[in-house]
N, C-alpha and C. Protein backbone atom coordinates (compact mmCIF):
# COMPACT_ATOMS: atom_id res chain seq x y z
N MET A 1 52.63 21.10 13.97
CA MET A 1 52.31 22.15 13.80
C MET A 1 52.08 23.03 14.18
N ARG A 2 53.05 24.03 15.61
CA ARG A 2 52.15 25.47 16.36
C ARG A 2 51.85 26.28 14.72
N ILE A 3 49.99 27.22 15.26
CA ILE A 3 50.06 27.14 14.16
C ILE A 3 50.30 28.69 14.77
N CYS A 4 49.88 29.14 16.41
CA CYS A 4 49.56 30.14 17.25
C CYS A 4 50.95 30.10 18.00
N LEU A 5 51.61 31.49 18.22
CA LEU A 5 52.85 31.99 18.70
C LEU A 5 51.55 31.74 20.52
N PRO A 6 53.41 31.66 21.17
CA PRO A 6 52.58 31.60 22.57
C PRO A 6 52.08 33.12 23.13
N ASP A 7 52.53 34.36 22.71
CA ASP A 7 51.16 35.04 23.02
C ASP A 7 50.53 35.38 22.83
N LYS A 8 50.27 34.56 21.78
CA LYS A 8 48.90 35.14 21.21
C LYS A 8 47.75 34.75 21.42
N ASN A 9 46.59 35.36 21.77
CA ASN A 9 45.14 35.02 22.37
C ASN A 9 44.95 33.69 21.36
N ILE A 10 43.31 33.06 21.87
CA ILE A 10 42.92 32.23 21.16
C ILE A 10 42.06 32.82 19.66
N THR A 11 41.66 33.77 19.53
CA THR A 11 40.97 34.62 18.51
C THR A 11 42.88 34.38 16.73
N THR A 12 43.65 35.19 17.64
CA THR A 12 44.53 35.40 16.81
C THR A 12 44.55 33.85 15.91
N CYS A 13 44.65 32.89 16.45
CA CYS A 13 45.23 31.77 16.69
C CYS A 13 44.12 30.47 15.56
N VAL A 14 43.11 31.12 16.40
CA VAL A 14 42.07 30.96 15.09
C VAL A 14 42.25 31.03 13.12
N VAL A 15 42.29 32.83 13.67
CA VAL A 15 42.57 33.78 12.47
C VAL A 15 44.00 32.60 11.17
N PHE A 16 44.62 32.35 12.19
CA PHE A 16 45.74 31.57 11.64
C PHE A 16 45.68 30.21 11.10
N SER A 17 44.61 29.39 12.06
CA SER A 17 44.94 28.43 11.46
C SER A 17 43.96 28.37 10.21
N VAL A 18 42.75 29.22 9.89
CA VAL A 18 41.96 29.29 9.11
C VAL A 18 42.78 29.79 7.63
N ALA A 19 43.74 30.60 7.57
CA ALA A 19 44.88 31.01 6.37
C ALA A 19 45.45 30.17 6.38
N PHE A 20 45.93 28.77 6.85
CA PHE A 20 46.84 27.73 7.29
C PHE A 20 45.90 27.01 6.01
N ILE A 21 44.42 26.42 6.44
CA ILE A 21 44.31 25.76 6.16
C ILE A 21 43.48 26.23 4.33
N LEU A 22 43.08 27.41 3.84
CA LEU A 22 42.62 27.93 3.16
C LEU A 22 44.21 27.66 2.43
N ALA A 23 44.70 28.57 2.15
CA ALA A 23 46.23 28.10 1.74
C ALA A 23 46.55 26.85 1.41
N LEU A 24 46.43 25.40 2.39
CA LEU A 24 46.83 24.88 1.62
C LEU A 24 45.27 23.67 1.20
N LEU A 25 44.52 24.04 0.88
CA LEU A 25 43.02 23.23 -0.31
C LEU A 25 43.84 24.38 -1.26
N MET A 26 43.75 25.79 -1.62
CA MET A 26 44.40 26.14 -3.03
C MET A 26 45.91 25.86 -3.20
N MET A 27 46.62 24.87 -3.14
CA MET A 27 47.41 24.16 -3.17
C MET A 27 47.32 23.37 -3.78
N ILE A 28 46.37 22.40 -3.27
CA ILE A 28 45.83 21.14 -3.73
C ILE A 28 44.78 20.95 -4.43
N ALA A 29 44.09 22.54 -4.95
CA ALA A 29 43.00 22.45 -6.03
C ALA A 29 43.62 23.48 -7.56
N SER A 30 45.40 23.76 -7.38
CA SER A 30 46.23 23.98 -8.32
C SER A 30 46.92 23.16 -8.94
N ALA A 31 47.62 21.71 -7.83
CA ALA A 31 47.56 21.22 -8.05
C ALA A 31 47.00 19.82 -9.14
N ASP A 32 45.50 19.61 -9.27
CA ASP A 32 44.78 18.97 -9.34
C ASP A 32 44.09 19.35 -10.81
N ALA A 33 44.74 20.65 -10.94
CA ALA A 33 43.21 21.85 -12.14
C ALA A 33 44.54 21.54 -12.94
N LYS A 34 45.81 20.97 -12.99
CA LYS A 34 46.50 20.77 -14.26
C LYS A 34 46.23 20.67 -15.26
N THR A 35 46.51 21.47 -16.19
CA THR A 35 46.59 21.83 -17.89
C THR A 35 46.81 20.14 -18.04
N LYS A 36 45.69 19.14 -18.43
CA LYS A 36 45.47 17.63 -19.81
C LYS A 36 45.75 18.16 -20.68
N ARG A 37 46.44 16.47 -21.31
CA ARG A 37 47.47 16.98 -22.60
C ARG A 37 46.50 15.30 -23.19
N LEU A 38 45.78 16.42 -24.73
CA LEU A 38 45.24 15.47 -25.43
C LEU A 38 45.70 15.33 -26.88
N VAL A 39 46.76 13.88 -27.10
CA VAL A 39 47.04 13.10 -28.15
C VAL A 39 46.18 13.56 -29.02
N LEU A 40 45.61 13.41 -30.83
CA LEU A 40 45.78 12.68 -32.19
C LEU A 40 46.29 11.61 -32.09
N LEU A 41 46.06 10.88 -32.42
CA LEU A 41 47.00 9.25 -32.86
C LEU A 41 46.00 9.56 -34.46
N GLY A 42 46.97 9.45 -35.68
CA GLY A 42 45.16 9.63 -36.64
C GLY A 42 46.66 9.74 -37.64
N ASP A 43 45.83 10.10 -39.01
CA ASP A 43 45.76 10.25 -40.13
C ASP A 43 45.73 11.46 -40.72
N SER A 44 45.61 11.77 -42.78
CA SER A 44 45.25 13.07 -42.59
C SER A 44 44.29 14.12 -42.18
N LEU A 45 42.83 12.85 -41.74
CA LEU A 45 42.17 13.47 -40.87
C LEU A 45 41.84 14.49 -39.94
N THR A 46 43.04 13.81 -39.20
CA THR A 46 43.59 14.73 -38.10
C THR A 46 44.36 15.76 -38.50
N ALA A 47 45.38 15.69 -39.17
CA ALA A 47 46.47 15.98 -39.64
C ALA A 47 46.22 17.91 -40.35
N GLY A 48 45.05 17.41 -40.40
CA GLY A 48 44.65 18.77 -40.75
C GLY A 48 44.81 18.84 -42.87
N TYR A 49 45.19 17.50 -43.86
CA TYR A 49 44.95 17.35 -45.50
C TYR A 49 44.14 18.25 -46.17
N GLY A 50 45.70 19.43 -46.38
CA GLY A 50 44.83 20.05 -47.66
C GLY A 50 44.15 21.97 -47.07
N LEU A 51 43.83 22.19 -45.38
CA LEU A 51 43.14 22.79 -44.77
C LEU A 51 44.24 23.93 -44.71
N ASP A 52 43.87 25.35 -44.36
CA ASP A 52 44.77 26.67 -43.79
C ASP A 52 45.18 26.15 -42.22
N ALA A 53 45.83 26.58 -41.88
CA ALA A 53 45.86 26.72 -40.93
C ALA A 53 44.85 27.40 -39.89
N GLY A 54 44.68 26.52 -39.17
CA GLY A 54 43.10 26.81 -38.32
C GLY A 54 42.61 26.17 -38.49
N ASP A 55 42.17 25.72 -39.54
CA ASP A 55 41.03 25.05 -40.20
C ASP A 55 40.57 23.13 -39.65
N GLY A 56 41.56 22.76 -40.02
CA GLY A 56 42.16 21.02 -38.74
C GLY A 56 41.20 21.04 -37.78
N PHE A 57 41.31 19.43 -37.83
CA PHE A 57 40.62 19.20 -36.64
C PHE A 57 41.02 19.44 -35.27
N GLY A 58 42.47 19.82 -35.48
CA GLY A 58 43.26 19.39 -34.44
C GLY A 58 42.79 21.21 -34.17
N ASP A 59 42.38 21.72 -34.59
CA ASP A 59 43.04 23.90 -34.12
C ASP A 59 41.46 23.95 -34.36
N GLN A 60 40.56 23.04 -34.52
CA GLN A 60 39.53 23.94 -34.35
C GLN A 60 38.22 22.89 -32.74
N LEU A 61 39.30 21.66 -32.49
CA LEU A 61 39.21 20.91 -31.77
C LEU A 61 39.30 21.64 -30.12
N ALA A 62 40.60 22.25 -30.57
CA ALA A 62 41.14 23.26 -29.46
C ALA A 62 40.35 24.49 -29.46
N VAL A 63 39.62 24.73 -30.95
CA VAL A 63 38.92 26.31 -29.74
C VAL A 63 37.64 25.57 -29.16
N ALA A 64 37.11 24.47 -30.15
CA ALA A 64 35.74 23.70 -29.18
C ALA A 64 35.86 23.82 -27.47
N LEU A 65 36.87 23.25 -27.65
CA LEU A 65 37.36 22.81 -26.22
C LEU A 65 37.28 23.92 -25.53
N ARG A 66 38.56 25.23 -25.51
CA ARG A 66 38.62 26.29 -25.10
C ARG A 66 37.31 27.34 -24.73
N ASP A 67 36.69 27.72 -26.03
CA ASP A 67 34.74 27.64 -25.98
C ASP A 67 34.00 27.73 -24.55
N GLU A 68 35.03 26.25 -23.81
CA GLU A 68 33.63 25.61 -23.35
C GLU A 68 34.22 25.55 -21.88
N LYS A 69 35.73 26.23 -22.00
CA LYS A 69 36.58 26.95 -20.58
C LYS A 69 36.70 25.51 -20.05
N ILE A 70 37.38 23.93 -20.72
CA ILE A 70 38.14 23.19 -20.77
C ILE A 70 39.02 22.84 -20.94
N ASP A 71 40.36 22.72 -19.82
CA ASP A 71 41.63 23.44 -19.59
C ASP A 71 42.07 22.18 -20.10
N VAL A 72 42.69 22.47 -21.86
CA VAL A 72 43.44 20.75 -22.40
C VAL A 72 44.04 21.50 -23.53
N GLU A 73 45.63 20.99 -23.63
CA GLU A 73 46.38 21.01 -25.16
C GLU A 73 46.43 20.37 -26.03
N VAL A 74 45.94 20.67 -26.90
CA VAL A 74 45.91 19.30 -28.06
C VAL A 74 46.74 19.11 -28.91
N VAL A 75 47.51 18.10 -28.96
CA VAL A 75 48.60 17.52 -29.88
C VAL A 75 47.97 17.21 -30.53
N ASN A 76 48.05 17.72 -32.04
CA ASN A 76 48.20 17.04 -33.49
C ASN A 76 49.10 16.02 -33.64
N ALA A 77 49.02 14.75 -33.77
CA ALA A 77 49.34 13.86 -33.97
C ALA A 77 49.70 12.99 -35.64
N GLY A 78 48.90 13.98 -36.20
CA GLY A 78 47.78 13.14 -36.78
C GLY A 78 49.39 13.32 -38.30
N VAL A 79 49.46 12.08 -39.11
CA VAL A 79 50.56 11.94 -40.29
C VAL A 79 49.87 12.02 -40.89
N SER A 80 49.73 12.18 -42.94
CA SER A 80 48.63 12.51 -44.05
C SER A 80 49.56 10.78 -44.09
N GLY A 81 48.88 9.91 -44.37
CA GLY A 81 49.08 8.81 -44.92
C GLY A 81 49.54 7.42 -44.38
N ASP A 82 48.52 7.84 -43.35
CA ASP A 82 49.58 6.77 -42.26
C ASP A 82 48.54 5.88 -42.33
N THR A 83 49.20 4.53 -41.99
CA THR A 83 48.39 3.32 -41.17
C THR A 83 48.59 2.96 -40.25
N SER A 84 47.43 2.00 -39.89
CA SER A 84 47.22 1.37 -38.72
C SER A 84 48.84 0.77 -38.05
N SER A 85 49.21 0.23 -39.53
CA SER A 85 50.93 -0.03 -39.19
C SER A 85 52.19 0.95 -38.49
N GLY A 86 51.68 2.31 -39.15
CA GLY A 86 52.06 3.38 -39.23
C GLY A 86 51.55 3.81 -37.65
N GLY A 87 51.19 3.74 -37.49
CA GLY A 87 50.21 4.95 -35.97
C GLY A 87 51.29 4.09 -34.77
N LEU A 88 50.98 2.78 -34.95
CA LEU A 88 51.85 1.73 -34.07
C LEU A 88 53.67 1.73 -34.00
N ALA A 89 53.70 1.57 -34.98
CA ALA A 89 55.16 2.04 -35.03
C ALA A 89 55.47 3.35 -34.74
N ARG A 90 55.02 3.92 -33.97
CA ARG A 90 54.83 5.78 -34.21
C ARG A 90 54.87 6.24 -32.81
N LEU A 91 54.11 5.14 -31.45
CA LEU A 91 53.52 6.01 -30.85
C LEU A 91 54.23 5.70 -30.00
N ASP A 92 55.01 5.51 -29.59
CA ASP A 92 55.58 6.59 -28.41
C ASP A 92 56.36 7.38 -28.52
N TRP A 93 56.69 7.74 -29.87
CA TRP A 93 57.15 9.23 -30.03
C TRP A 93 55.87 9.92 -30.77
N SER A 94 55.02 9.50 -30.37
CA SER A 94 53.72 10.58 -30.60
C SER A 94 53.23 10.99 -29.44
N LEU A 95 53.58 9.90 -28.29
CA LEU A 95 53.40 10.31 -26.80
C LEU A 95 53.92 11.07 -26.51
N GLY A 96 55.23 11.45 -26.14
CA GLY A 96 56.09 12.39 -26.05
C GLY A 96 56.20 11.79 -24.39
N ASP A 97 55.69 12.98 -24.07
CA ASP A 97 56.52 12.99 -22.71
C ASP A 97 55.32 12.35 -21.79
N GLY A 98 54.18 12.03 -22.61
CA GLY A 98 53.15 11.58 -21.72
C GLY A 98 52.21 11.97 -22.41
N ALA A 99 51.16 11.91 -22.40
CA ALA A 99 49.63 11.67 -22.87
C ALA A 99 48.57 11.59 -21.79
N ASP A 100 47.35 12.73 -21.48
CA ASP A 100 46.17 12.12 -20.48
C ASP A 100 45.51 11.57 -21.36
N ALA A 101 45.32 11.99 -22.34
CA ALA A 101 43.84 11.29 -23.23
C ALA A 101 44.14 11.19 -24.86
N VAL A 102 44.43 10.09 -25.37
CA VAL A 102 43.97 9.59 -26.55
C VAL A 102 42.87 9.57 -27.34
N ILE A 103 43.04 10.72 -28.52
CA ILE A 103 42.27 9.90 -30.02
C ILE A 103 43.02 9.47 -30.80
N VAL A 104 41.95 8.35 -30.78
CA VAL A 104 42.73 7.41 -31.55
C VAL A 104 41.95 7.26 -33.33
N GLU A 105 42.59 7.88 -34.21
CA GLU A 105 42.12 7.71 -35.82
C GLU A 105 42.77 6.73 -36.41
N LEU A 106 42.45 5.45 -36.89
CA LEU A 106 43.33 5.47 -38.06
C LEU A 106 42.28 4.14 -38.55
N GLY A 107 42.96 3.67 -39.87
CA GLY A 107 42.09 2.93 -40.53
C GLY A 107 42.27 3.53 -41.83
N ALA A 108 42.04 4.22 -42.15
CA ALA A 108 41.07 4.27 -43.39
C ALA A 108 41.95 4.56 -44.14
N ASN A 109 42.98 4.78 -44.29
CA ASN A 109 44.10 4.35 -45.10
C ASN A 109 44.43 3.21 -45.61
N ASP A 110 44.22 2.40 -44.80
CA ASP A 110 43.76 0.29 -44.82
C ASP A 110 43.26 0.51 -45.47
N ALA A 111 41.77 0.62 -44.87
CA ALA A 111 40.93 0.68 -46.10
C ALA A 111 41.01 0.78 -47.56
N LEU A 112 41.38 1.71 -47.92
CA LEU A 112 41.67 2.50 -48.71
C LEU A 112 42.30 1.63 -50.54
N ARG A 113 44.10 1.19 -49.12
CA ARG A 113 44.45 0.49 -49.66
C ARG A 113 44.23 -1.57 -50.29
N GLY A 114 43.61 -1.77 -49.77
CA GLY A 114 42.97 -2.99 -49.74
C GLY A 114 43.38 -3.42 -48.68
N VAL A 115 44.26 -2.98 -47.41
CA VAL A 115 44.45 -3.85 -46.40
C VAL A 115 43.78 -4.56 -45.55
N ASP A 116 44.70 -5.82 -45.11
CA ASP A 116 44.08 -7.10 -44.27
C ASP A 116 43.54 -6.69 -43.76
N PRO A 117 41.80 -6.12 -43.42
CA PRO A 117 41.25 -6.13 -42.10
C PRO A 117 41.63 -7.16 -41.13
N GLY A 118 42.48 -8.22 -40.92
CA GLY A 118 43.15 -9.14 -39.77
C GLY A 118 43.83 -8.09 -38.98
N LEU A 119 45.48 -7.59 -40.05
CA LEU A 119 46.06 -6.53 -39.85
C LEU A 119 45.86 -5.44 -39.43
N THR A 120 44.64 -4.85 -40.07
CA THR A 120 43.98 -3.51 -38.97
C THR A 120 43.39 -3.81 -37.38
N ARG A 121 42.91 -5.11 -37.57
CA ARG A 121 42.40 -5.27 -35.75
C ARG A 121 44.06 -5.34 -34.95
N ALA A 122 45.08 -6.46 -35.35
CA ALA A 122 45.72 -6.48 -34.41
C ALA A 122 46.97 -4.73 -34.29
N ASN A 123 47.07 -4.36 -35.03
CA ASN A 123 47.37 -2.65 -34.84
C ASN A 123 46.56 -2.07 -34.15
N LEU A 124 45.82 -1.98 -34.68
CA LEU A 124 44.65 -1.52 -33.43
C LEU A 124 44.33 -1.75 -32.62
N GLU A 125 44.58 -2.62 -32.02
CA GLU A 125 44.51 -3.81 -30.53
C GLU A 125 45.63 -3.80 -29.91
N ALA A 126 47.21 -3.51 -30.69
CA ALA A 126 48.18 -3.38 -30.22
C ALA A 126 48.76 -1.76 -29.22
N ILE A 127 48.35 -0.87 -29.99
CA ILE A 127 47.68 -0.24 -30.16
C ILE A 127 47.02 0.59 -28.61
N LEU A 128 46.21 0.03 -28.57
CA LEU A 128 44.92 0.35 -27.45
C LEU A 128 45.70 -0.30 -26.19
N GLN A 129 46.37 -1.47 -26.34
CA GLN A 129 47.29 -2.47 -25.25
C GLN A 129 47.79 -1.90 -24.81
N HIS A 130 48.51 -0.58 -25.66
CA HIS A 130 49.81 0.01 -25.26
C HIS A 130 49.45 0.76 -24.76
N LEU A 131 48.07 1.82 -24.81
CA LEU A 131 48.34 2.96 -23.80
C LEU A 131 47.00 2.83 -23.42
N GLN A 132 46.43 1.45 -22.67
CA GLN A 132 46.10 1.20 -21.20
C GLN A 132 47.20 0.48 -20.50
N GLN A 133 48.43 0.59 -21.24
CA GLN A 133 48.92 -0.32 -20.23
C GLN A 133 49.94 1.10 -19.92
N ARG A 134 50.04 2.10 -20.45
CA ARG A 134 50.24 3.63 -20.41
C ARG A 134 49.45 4.70 -18.72
N LYS A 135 47.88 4.23 -19.17
CA LYS A 135 47.13 4.52 -18.42
C LYS A 135 46.99 5.93 -18.91
N VAL A 136 46.44 5.10 -20.29
CA VAL A 136 45.70 6.52 -21.03
C VAL A 136 44.51 6.42 -21.52
N LYS A 137 44.07 7.18 -20.99
CA LYS A 137 42.24 7.04 -21.48
C LYS A 137 42.54 6.86 -22.63
N ILE A 138 41.30 7.19 -23.66
CA ILE A 138 41.08 6.40 -25.26
C ILE A 138 39.43 6.62 -25.39
N LEU A 139 39.80 7.30 -26.75
CA LEU A 139 38.71 7.24 -27.51
C LEU A 139 38.95 7.31 -28.69
N LEU A 140 38.62 5.95 -29.07
CA LEU A 140 38.64 4.98 -30.56
C LEU A 140 37.48 5.61 -31.22
N ALA A 141 37.89 6.19 -32.93
CA ALA A 141 37.23 6.96 -33.98
C ALA A 141 36.89 5.82 -35.60
N GLY A 142 35.99 5.29 -35.31
CA GLY A 142 36.11 4.71 -35.91
C GLY A 142 35.62 4.59 -37.42
N MET A 143 36.19 3.61 -38.69
CA MET A 143 36.22 3.96 -39.56
C MET A 143 35.35 3.52 -40.60
N LEU A 144 34.42 2.96 -41.51
CA LEU A 144 33.47 2.65 -42.99
C LEU A 144 34.71 1.85 -43.87
N ALA A 145 34.38 1.16 -44.05
CA ALA A 145 35.58 0.54 -45.46
C ALA A 145 34.64 1.16 -46.47
N PRO A 146 35.14 1.43 -47.56
CA PRO A 146 34.70 2.32 -48.68
C PRO A 146 33.66 1.17 -49.41
N PRO A 147 32.62 1.63 -49.56
CA PRO A 147 31.52 0.23 -50.81
C PRO A 147 32.00 -0.57 -51.46
N ASN A 148 33.20 0.18 -52.45
CA ASN A 148 33.57 -0.81 -54.05
C ASN A 148 34.37 -1.82 -52.92
N MET A 149 34.78 -1.58 -51.82
CA MET A 149 35.60 -3.09 -51.14
C MET A 149 34.61 -3.97 -51.34
N GLY A 150 33.82 -4.02 -51.72
CA GLY A 150 32.53 -5.63 -50.80
C GLY A 150 32.57 -5.35 -50.17
N ASN A 151 31.46 -6.22 -49.08
CA ASN A 151 29.78 -6.67 -48.57
C ASN A 151 31.16 -7.08 -47.59
N ASP A 152 31.90 -8.58 -48.57
CA ASP A 152 32.95 -9.54 -47.26
C ASP A 152 34.53 -8.47 -46.58
N TYR A 153 34.62 -7.80 -47.27
CA TYR A 153 35.63 -6.88 -46.73
C TYR A 153 35.27 -5.58 -45.52
N GLY A 154 33.88 -5.20 -46.29
CA GLY A 154 33.46 -3.72 -45.23
C GLY A 154 32.78 -5.03 -43.93
N ASP A 155 32.26 -6.10 -44.22
CA ASP A 155 31.86 -6.66 -42.64
C ASP A 155 32.74 -6.28 -42.05
N ARG A 156 34.47 -7.26 -42.19
CA ARG A 156 34.77 -7.28 -42.10
C ARG A 156 36.01 -6.80 -41.32
N PHE A 157 35.77 -5.12 -41.83
CA PHE A 157 36.92 -4.31 -41.57
C PHE A 157 35.86 -3.33 -40.76
N ASN A 158 34.55 -2.77 -40.83
CA ASN A 158 33.71 -2.55 -39.56
C ASN A 158 33.55 -3.00 -38.88
N SER A 159 33.75 -4.53 -38.40
CA SER A 159 33.36 -4.38 -36.91
C SER A 159 34.31 -3.94 -36.04
N ILE A 160 35.54 -3.85 -36.81
CA ILE A 160 37.06 -4.44 -35.89
C ILE A 160 37.15 -2.79 -34.65
N TYR A 161 36.16 -1.94 -35.03
CA TYR A 161 36.07 -0.40 -33.76
C TYR A 161 35.25 -1.08 -32.71
N PRO A 162 33.58 -1.38 -33.19
CA PRO A 162 32.86 -1.45 -31.86
C PRO A 162 33.38 -3.22 -31.59
N GLU A 163 33.70 -3.62 -32.03
CA GLU A 163 33.94 -4.86 -31.25
C GLU A 163 35.98 -4.89 -30.15
N LEU A 164 37.11 -3.69 -30.75
CA LEU A 164 37.68 -4.13 -30.11
C LEU A 164 37.20 -2.56 -28.37
N ALA A 165 36.63 -2.11 -29.13
CA ALA A 165 36.39 -0.62 -27.67
C ALA A 165 36.04 -1.92 -27.03
N ALA A 166 34.99 -2.78 -26.81
CA ALA A 166 33.64 -3.50 -26.33
C ALA A 166 34.61 -4.13 -25.36
N LYS A 167 35.34 -4.64 -25.96
CA LYS A 167 36.73 -5.67 -25.62
C LYS A 167 38.04 -5.24 -24.69
N TYR A 168 37.85 -3.73 -24.51
CA TYR A 168 39.35 -3.22 -23.71
C TYR A 168 38.31 -1.76 -23.04
N GLN A 169 37.00 -1.86 -22.88
CA GLN A 169 35.98 -0.96 -22.65
C GLN A 169 36.80 0.43 -22.92
N VAL A 170 36.65 0.79 -24.22
CA VAL A 170 37.15 1.88 -24.41
C VAL A 170 35.71 2.62 -25.24
N LEU A 171 35.85 4.18 -24.54
CA LEU A 171 34.74 4.82 -25.50
C LEU A 171 35.10 4.77 -27.30
N LEU A 172 33.95 4.55 -27.50
CA LEU A 172 33.83 4.55 -29.07
C LEU A 172 32.98 5.78 -29.72
N TYR A 173 34.00 6.76 -30.75
CA TYR A 173 33.01 7.13 -31.54
C TYR A 173 32.66 7.14 -33.09
N PRO A 174 31.39 5.96 -33.68
CA PRO A 174 31.49 5.22 -33.92
C PRO A 174 31.90 5.30 -35.30
N PHE A 175 32.37 6.50 -36.06
CA PHE A 175 32.07 6.79 -37.83
C PHE A 175 33.14 8.18 -37.50
N PHE A 176 34.18 8.42 -37.78
CA PHE A 176 34.81 9.42 -37.81
C PHE A 176 34.50 11.10 -38.42
N LEU A 177 33.61 10.02 -40.06
CA LEU A 177 33.37 11.07 -40.96
C LEU A 177 31.75 10.86 -40.55
N ASP A 178 31.30 11.20 -39.34
CA ASP A 178 29.88 11.51 -39.88
C ASP A 178 29.62 12.51 -40.29
N GLY A 179 27.57 12.67 -41.06
CA GLY A 179 27.76 13.79 -41.29
C GLY A 179 28.01 14.39 -42.53
N VAL A 180 29.50 13.92 -42.44
CA VAL A 180 30.60 14.93 -43.81
C VAL A 180 29.96 13.49 -44.98
N VAL A 181 30.49 12.60 -44.79
CA VAL A 181 31.26 11.70 -46.30
C VAL A 181 30.33 11.75 -47.17
N ALA A 182 30.78 11.68 -48.81
CA ALA A 182 30.07 11.80 -49.63
C ALA A 182 29.05 13.16 -50.09
N ASP A 183 29.04 13.84 -48.66
CA ASP A 183 28.68 15.56 -48.98
C ASP A 183 29.42 16.58 -49.56
N LYS A 184 28.84 16.16 -50.78
CA LYS A 184 30.22 17.28 -52.32
C LYS A 184 30.49 19.06 -51.66
N THR A 185 29.65 19.59 -50.98
CA THR A 185 29.62 20.78 -50.36
C THR A 185 30.28 20.46 -48.53
N LEU A 186 30.70 19.67 -47.96
CA LEU A 186 31.43 19.50 -46.80
C LEU A 186 32.74 18.86 -47.70
N ASN A 187 33.42 18.56 -48.29
CA ASN A 187 34.29 18.06 -48.99
C ASN A 187 35.16 18.49 -49.57
N GLN A 188 36.26 18.67 -50.06
CA GLN A 188 37.38 18.76 -50.66
C GLN A 188 37.57 18.87 -52.01
N ARG A 189 37.78 18.92 -53.03
CA ARG A 189 37.74 18.56 -55.06
C ARG A 189 38.16 17.10 -54.66
N ASP A 190 39.12 16.08 -53.56
CA ASP A 190 38.87 14.31 -53.89
C ASP A 190 38.13 13.50 -53.37
N GLY A 191 36.90 14.65 -53.05
CA GLY A 191 36.13 14.02 -52.61
C GLY A 191 35.75 13.15 -50.88
N ILE A 192 37.72 12.75 -50.18
CA ILE A 192 37.47 12.12 -49.65
C ILE A 192 38.08 13.22 -48.09
N HIS A 193 38.72 14.46 -48.42
CA HIS A 193 39.15 14.86 -46.70
C HIS A 193 38.09 16.07 -46.77
N PRO A 194 37.50 16.15 -45.42
CA PRO A 194 36.42 16.96 -45.36
C PRO A 194 37.15 18.82 -45.51
N ASN A 195 36.41 19.59 -45.49
CA ASN A 195 37.08 21.18 -46.15
C ASN A 195 36.73 21.65 -44.61
N LYS A 196 37.18 23.07 -44.42
CA LYS A 196 36.74 23.67 -43.67
C LYS A 196 35.51 23.36 -42.33
N ASN A 197 34.50 23.72 -43.49
CA ASN A 197 32.85 23.73 -42.90
C ASN A 197 32.73 21.30 -42.51
N GLY A 198 32.78 21.89 -43.24
CA GLY A 198 33.21 19.40 -43.10
C GLY A 198 33.24 19.09 -41.45
N VAL A 199 35.10 20.04 -41.36
CA VAL A 199 35.66 19.45 -40.01
C VAL A 199 34.81 20.35 -38.65
N LYS A 200 34.06 21.07 -39.38
CA LYS A 200 33.65 21.44 -38.22
C LYS A 200 32.26 20.84 -37.35
N ILE A 201 31.68 20.09 -39.15
CA ILE A 201 30.53 19.47 -37.77
C ILE A 201 30.57 18.26 -37.23
N ILE A 202 32.21 17.11 -37.87
CA ILE A 202 33.15 16.82 -37.36
C ILE A 202 33.47 16.98 -35.85
N VAL A 203 33.61 18.02 -35.56
CA VAL A 203 34.13 18.87 -34.43
C VAL A 203 32.74 18.69 -33.29
N GLU A 204 32.19 19.30 -34.00
CA GLU A 204 30.22 19.36 -33.11
C GLU A 204 29.77 17.77 -32.43
N ARG A 205 29.95 17.25 -34.12
CA ARG A 205 29.39 16.21 -33.22
C ARG A 205 30.48 14.75 -32.38
N ILE A 206 30.96 15.32 -32.45
CA ILE A 206 32.53 14.23 -32.03
C ILE A 206 32.86 14.86 -30.04
N MET A 207 32.40 16.33 -29.97
CA MET A 207 32.70 16.97 -28.68
C MET A 207 31.84 16.16 -27.34
N PRO A 208 30.76 15.83 -27.82
CA PRO A 208 30.07 14.93 -26.61
C PRO A 208 30.93 13.85 -26.05
N PHE A 209 31.87 13.32 -27.06
CA PHE A 209 32.57 11.77 -26.52
C PHE A 209 34.14 12.51 -26.02
N VAL A 210 34.53 13.67 -26.33
CA VAL A 210 35.77 14.27 -25.92
C VAL A 210 35.44 14.62 -24.71
N ARG A 211 34.15 15.03 -24.72
CA ARG A 211 34.32 15.99 -23.24
C ARG A 211 33.94 14.42 -21.78
N GLN A 212 33.55 13.40 -22.19
CA GLN A 212 33.16 12.66 -21.77
C GLN A 212 35.05 11.28 -21.00
N LEU A 213 35.56 12.05 -22.48
CA LEU A 213 36.51 11.22 -22.14
C LEU A 213 37.95 12.39 -21.07
N LEU A 214 37.31 13.41 -21.01
CA LEU A 214 37.90 14.64 -20.56
C LEU A 214 37.69 14.33 -19.22
N GLU A 215 36.55 14.28 -18.71
CA GLU A 215 35.98 13.76 -17.61
C GLU A 215 36.93 13.63 -16.58
């Protein structure tokens, strides 16, 4: 491409060339800086059960990311009462037109209902496989079985998340309710779902992992 006109001197040609290069670099930077899309594939803990608008995990996470000047659209695909089976069944629908990254937060309802940990593992593994096939970055949010389910059930269930994270080389946040579970001041009256302040702690603790996910 001729940047200089035939009747222009060399100084003018250099100015035109520099302007052209700068414009090209700005176009490339603009293409690279497109807003990323982060999908929250989860249950009531991400859906914001029992909370006012703006107080749920998705809303508070979006604010925290915005405060840190991280350009990302947070899509809340949490469904209250959902199990790992439900999450797998609606996976493609939840991703919609696509996603750059996904936080997978499923399994709490499996444990509460006593679902065979083998089935939970199989469902979560299928979700991870499908997301990796679509080249989506993953943060797997771990869950722990309630103590009343017994040691055998707890051991089988609790091992699912670290083992799958290691097998598929995905980021693991060990326990989604870390710092909140069993604290009456941080949970709603049902003792299961975090209140606004509980969600705030969850967001603060998971943020380093989310930053790494979006890098």
